[in-house]
N, C-alpha and C. Protein backbone atom coordinates (compact mmCIF):
# COMPACT_ATOMS: atom_id res chain seq x y z
N MET A 1 -105.09 -36.19 -73.29
CA MET A 1 -104.65 -34.81 -73.15
C MET A 1 -105.50 -33.92 -74.04
N ALA A 2 -106.01 -32.88 -73.46
CA ALA A 2 -106.81 -31.92 -74.22
C ALA A 2 -105.91 -31.10 -75.14
N SER A 3 -106.50 -30.54 -76.13
CA SER A 3 -105.74 -29.75 -77.09
C SER A 3 -105.37 -28.39 -76.51
N LYS A 4 -104.45 -27.72 -77.18
CA LYS A 4 -104.07 -26.36 -76.77
C LYS A 4 -105.29 -25.46 -76.77
N ARG A 5 -106.11 -25.63 -77.76
CA ARG A 5 -107.30 -24.80 -77.91
C ARG A 5 -108.22 -24.95 -76.70
N ASP A 6 -108.47 -26.19 -76.29
CA ASP A 6 -109.32 -26.44 -75.14
C ASP A 6 -108.70 -25.90 -73.86
N PHE A 7 -107.40 -26.05 -73.73
CA PHE A 7 -106.71 -25.57 -72.54
C PHE A 7 -106.80 -24.05 -72.45
N LYS A 8 -106.64 -23.37 -73.58
CA LYS A 8 -106.75 -21.91 -73.59
C LYS A 8 -108.18 -21.47 -73.28
N LYS A 9 -109.16 -22.21 -73.75
CA LYS A 9 -110.56 -21.90 -73.43
C LYS A 9 -110.81 -22.03 -71.94
N ASP A 10 -110.30 -23.10 -71.34
CA ASP A 10 -110.45 -23.29 -69.90
C ASP A 10 -109.77 -22.17 -69.12
N LEU A 11 -108.59 -21.78 -69.56
CA LEU A 11 -107.85 -20.71 -68.91
C LEU A 11 -108.63 -19.40 -68.99
N ASN A 12 -109.15 -19.09 -70.17
CA ASN A 12 -109.92 -17.86 -70.34
C ASN A 12 -111.20 -17.88 -69.50
N ARG A 13 -111.82 -19.04 -69.40
CA ARG A 13 -113.04 -19.18 -68.60
C ARG A 13 -112.73 -18.92 -67.12
N MET A 14 -111.62 -19.45 -66.64
CA MET A 14 -111.22 -19.25 -65.25
C MET A 14 -110.95 -17.77 -64.99
N VAL A 15 -110.25 -17.11 -65.90
CA VAL A 15 -109.94 -15.69 -65.74
C VAL A 15 -111.23 -14.88 -65.75
N PHE A 16 -112.13 -15.19 -66.66
CA PHE A 16 -113.40 -14.48 -66.73
C PHE A 16 -114.18 -14.63 -65.42
N ASP A 17 -114.19 -15.83 -64.86
CA ASP A 17 -114.91 -16.06 -63.61
C ASP A 17 -114.34 -15.22 -62.47
N VAL A 18 -113.02 -15.15 -62.38
CA VAL A 18 -112.39 -14.36 -61.32
C VAL A 18 -112.70 -12.88 -61.51
N VAL A 19 -112.59 -12.38 -62.73
CA VAL A 19 -112.87 -10.97 -63.00
C VAL A 19 -114.33 -10.65 -62.71
N GLU A 20 -115.22 -11.53 -63.12
CA GLU A 20 -116.65 -11.32 -62.87
C GLU A 20 -116.95 -11.27 -61.37
N GLU A 21 -116.33 -12.15 -60.61
CA GLU A 21 -116.54 -12.15 -59.17
C GLU A 21 -115.98 -10.88 -58.53
N CYS A 22 -114.85 -10.40 -59.03
CA CYS A 22 -114.29 -9.14 -58.53
C CYS A 22 -115.24 -7.98 -58.78
N PHE A 23 -115.84 -7.94 -59.95
CA PHE A 23 -116.80 -6.89 -60.24
C PHE A 23 -118.03 -6.99 -59.34
N SER A 24 -118.45 -8.20 -59.03
CA SER A 24 -119.58 -8.39 -58.12
C SER A 24 -119.24 -7.87 -56.73
N ILE A 25 -118.04 -8.15 -56.28
CA ILE A 25 -117.61 -7.67 -54.96
C ILE A 25 -117.58 -6.14 -54.96
N GLN A 26 -117.08 -5.55 -56.03
CA GLN A 26 -117.04 -4.09 -56.13
C GLN A 26 -118.44 -3.49 -56.10
N LEU A 27 -119.37 -4.17 -56.73
CA LEU A 27 -120.74 -3.68 -56.80
C LEU A 27 -121.38 -3.59 -55.41
N TYR A 28 -121.10 -4.57 -54.57
CA TYR A 28 -121.73 -4.63 -53.26
C TYR A 28 -120.88 -4.04 -52.14
N ASN A 29 -119.59 -3.81 -52.40
CA ASN A 29 -118.72 -3.25 -51.37
C ASN A 29 -117.67 -2.38 -52.03
N GLU A 30 -117.95 -1.12 -52.16
CA GLU A 30 -117.07 -0.19 -52.87
C GLU A 30 -115.74 0.02 -52.17
N THR A 31 -115.66 -0.32 -50.90
CA THR A 31 -114.40 -0.13 -50.18
C THR A 31 -113.33 -1.13 -50.63
N LYS A 32 -113.73 -2.19 -51.31
CA LYS A 32 -112.77 -3.21 -51.75
C LYS A 32 -112.37 -3.05 -53.21
N THR A 33 -112.65 -1.89 -53.78
CA THR A 33 -112.36 -1.65 -55.20
C THR A 33 -110.87 -1.76 -55.49
N GLN A 34 -110.05 -1.17 -54.65
CA GLN A 34 -108.59 -1.19 -54.86
C GLN A 34 -108.06 -2.62 -54.86
N VAL A 35 -108.47 -3.40 -53.88
CA VAL A 35 -107.99 -4.78 -53.76
C VAL A 35 -108.47 -5.63 -54.93
N THR A 36 -109.72 -5.47 -55.32
CA THR A 36 -110.23 -6.27 -56.43
C THR A 36 -109.59 -5.86 -57.75
N ASN A 37 -109.31 -4.57 -57.92
CA ASN A 37 -108.61 -4.14 -59.14
C ASN A 37 -107.22 -4.75 -59.22
N GLU A 38 -106.54 -4.85 -58.09
CA GLU A 38 -105.23 -5.49 -58.07
C GLU A 38 -105.33 -6.97 -58.41
N LEU A 39 -106.37 -7.63 -57.91
CA LEU A 39 -106.57 -9.05 -58.22
C LEU A 39 -106.89 -9.23 -59.70
N ILE A 40 -107.68 -8.34 -60.26
CA ILE A 40 -107.99 -8.40 -61.70
C ILE A 40 -106.71 -8.26 -62.51
N GLU A 41 -105.87 -7.32 -62.14
CA GLU A 41 -104.61 -7.13 -62.85
C GLU A 41 -103.72 -8.37 -62.72
N GLU A 42 -103.69 -8.96 -61.53
CA GLU A 42 -102.88 -10.15 -61.30
C GLU A 42 -103.36 -11.32 -62.17
N VAL A 43 -104.66 -11.54 -62.22
CA VAL A 43 -105.19 -12.67 -62.99
C VAL A 43 -104.99 -12.46 -64.49
N ILE A 44 -105.07 -11.22 -64.95
CA ILE A 44 -104.85 -10.95 -66.38
C ILE A 44 -103.38 -11.16 -66.73
N ASN A 45 -102.47 -10.72 -65.85
CA ASN A 45 -101.05 -10.97 -66.09
C ASN A 45 -100.74 -12.46 -66.08
N PHE A 46 -101.40 -13.19 -65.18
CA PHE A 46 -101.22 -14.64 -65.14
C PHE A 46 -101.68 -15.27 -66.45
N ARG A 47 -102.82 -14.84 -66.95
CA ARG A 47 -103.34 -15.36 -68.22
C ARG A 47 -102.37 -15.10 -69.36
N ASN A 48 -101.82 -13.91 -69.41
CA ASN A 48 -100.86 -13.58 -70.46
C ASN A 48 -99.61 -14.45 -70.37
N ASP A 49 -99.11 -14.67 -69.14
CA ASP A 49 -97.94 -15.52 -68.95
C ASP A 49 -98.22 -16.96 -69.36
N MET A 50 -99.39 -17.46 -68.97
CA MET A 50 -99.74 -18.84 -69.30
C MET A 50 -99.93 -19.02 -70.81
N THR A 51 -100.53 -18.04 -71.45
CA THR A 51 -100.72 -18.12 -72.91
C THR A 51 -99.37 -18.17 -73.61
N GLU A 52 -98.43 -17.39 -73.11
CA GLU A 52 -97.08 -17.42 -73.69
C GLU A 52 -96.43 -18.79 -73.49
N LYS A 53 -96.59 -19.38 -72.32
CA LYS A 53 -96.03 -20.71 -72.06
C LYS A 53 -96.68 -21.75 -72.97
N ILE A 54 -97.97 -21.63 -73.19
CA ILE A 54 -98.66 -22.57 -74.06
C ILE A 54 -98.11 -22.48 -75.48
N HIS A 55 -97.89 -21.28 -75.95
CA HIS A 55 -97.38 -21.11 -77.31
C HIS A 55 -95.94 -21.60 -77.44
N LYS A 56 -95.17 -21.51 -76.38
CA LYS A 56 -93.77 -21.95 -76.41
C LYS A 56 -93.61 -23.45 -76.23
N ALA A 57 -94.65 -24.12 -75.74
CA ALA A 57 -94.57 -25.57 -75.51
C ALA A 57 -94.35 -26.29 -76.83
N LYS A 58 -93.33 -27.11 -76.86
CA LYS A 58 -92.95 -27.82 -78.09
C LYS A 58 -93.69 -29.14 -78.26
N THR A 59 -93.87 -29.87 -77.16
CA THR A 59 -94.50 -31.18 -77.24
C THR A 59 -95.60 -31.29 -76.19
N ASN A 60 -96.34 -32.37 -76.26
CA ASN A 60 -97.40 -32.62 -75.27
C ASN A 60 -96.83 -32.92 -73.89
N LYS A 61 -95.55 -33.25 -73.81
CA LYS A 61 -94.93 -33.54 -72.53
C LYS A 61 -94.77 -32.27 -71.69
N ASP A 62 -94.83 -31.11 -72.32
CA ASP A 62 -94.70 -29.84 -71.60
C ASP A 62 -95.99 -29.45 -70.90
N PHE A 63 -97.11 -29.99 -71.32
CA PHE A 63 -98.40 -29.54 -70.83
C PHE A 63 -98.77 -29.95 -69.41
N PRO A 64 -98.38 -31.13 -68.91
CA PRO A 64 -98.76 -31.44 -67.53
C PRO A 64 -98.24 -30.41 -66.52
N ALA A 65 -97.03 -29.92 -66.71
CA ALA A 65 -96.48 -28.91 -65.79
C ALA A 65 -97.24 -27.59 -65.92
N ILE A 66 -97.57 -27.23 -67.14
CA ILE A 66 -98.32 -25.98 -67.36
C ILE A 66 -99.72 -26.10 -66.76
N ARG A 67 -100.36 -27.23 -66.98
CA ARG A 67 -101.70 -27.44 -66.44
C ARG A 67 -101.68 -27.43 -64.91
N LYS A 68 -100.67 -28.05 -64.30
CA LYS A 68 -100.56 -28.07 -62.84
C LYS A 68 -100.39 -26.65 -62.31
N GLU A 69 -99.56 -25.86 -62.97
CA GLU A 69 -99.36 -24.47 -62.55
C GLU A 69 -100.67 -23.68 -62.64
N ALA A 70 -101.43 -23.91 -63.69
CA ALA A 70 -102.71 -23.22 -63.85
C ALA A 70 -103.70 -23.64 -62.77
N GLU A 71 -103.74 -24.91 -62.43
CA GLU A 71 -104.65 -25.40 -61.40
C GLU A 71 -104.29 -24.83 -60.04
N GLU A 72 -103.00 -24.76 -59.73
CA GLU A 72 -102.56 -24.19 -58.46
C GLU A 72 -102.90 -22.71 -58.38
N ALA A 73 -102.72 -22.00 -59.49
CA ALA A 73 -103.05 -20.58 -59.51
C ALA A 73 -104.55 -20.37 -59.35
N ALA A 74 -105.35 -21.23 -59.97
CA ALA A 74 -106.81 -21.12 -59.85
C ALA A 74 -107.23 -21.28 -58.39
N GLU A 75 -106.63 -22.23 -57.69
CA GLU A 75 -106.93 -22.42 -56.28
C GLU A 75 -106.53 -21.18 -55.48
N ASP A 76 -105.39 -20.60 -55.81
CA ASP A 76 -104.91 -19.40 -55.13
C ASP A 76 -105.87 -18.23 -55.35
N PHE A 77 -106.35 -18.07 -56.57
CA PHE A 77 -107.29 -16.99 -56.87
C PHE A 77 -108.61 -17.18 -56.11
N VAL A 78 -109.06 -18.42 -56.00
CA VAL A 78 -110.30 -18.69 -55.27
C VAL A 78 -110.11 -18.35 -53.78
N LEU A 79 -108.96 -18.70 -53.22
CA LEU A 79 -108.69 -18.35 -51.81
C LEU A 79 -108.67 -16.83 -51.63
N LYS A 80 -108.07 -16.12 -52.56
CA LYS A 80 -108.02 -14.67 -52.45
C LYS A 80 -109.43 -14.07 -52.56
N LEU A 81 -110.24 -14.61 -53.44
CA LEU A 81 -111.62 -14.15 -53.54
C LEU A 81 -112.40 -14.43 -52.26
N ASN A 82 -112.22 -15.60 -51.70
CA ASN A 82 -112.92 -15.96 -50.46
C ASN A 82 -112.52 -15.04 -49.31
N ASN A 83 -111.26 -14.62 -49.29
CA ASN A 83 -110.81 -13.72 -48.25
C ASN A 83 -111.40 -12.32 -48.39
N LEU A 84 -111.85 -11.97 -49.57
CA LEU A 84 -112.45 -10.66 -49.78
C LEU A 84 -113.91 -10.61 -49.31
N LEU A 85 -114.53 -11.74 -49.19
CA LEU A 85 -115.96 -11.77 -48.81
C LEU A 85 -116.16 -11.58 -47.34
């Protein structure tokens, strides 16, 4: 099991990738600015919620559920990005 620190780094990296891709979409297609801004807000709120769950986790037994939720959300964000292209 990876440490909390590593998990938070992975989470931040995933959020950064989604935000960066949204900015790229905005750069090449200004008509999708509203949708990408909503996705950016959604991913940032997700990051804040996950960080709170990580801090509230008491034992390592709490992390598999948190990690699974993060992986499912990452897949969802990728699908949403793909639909914007």
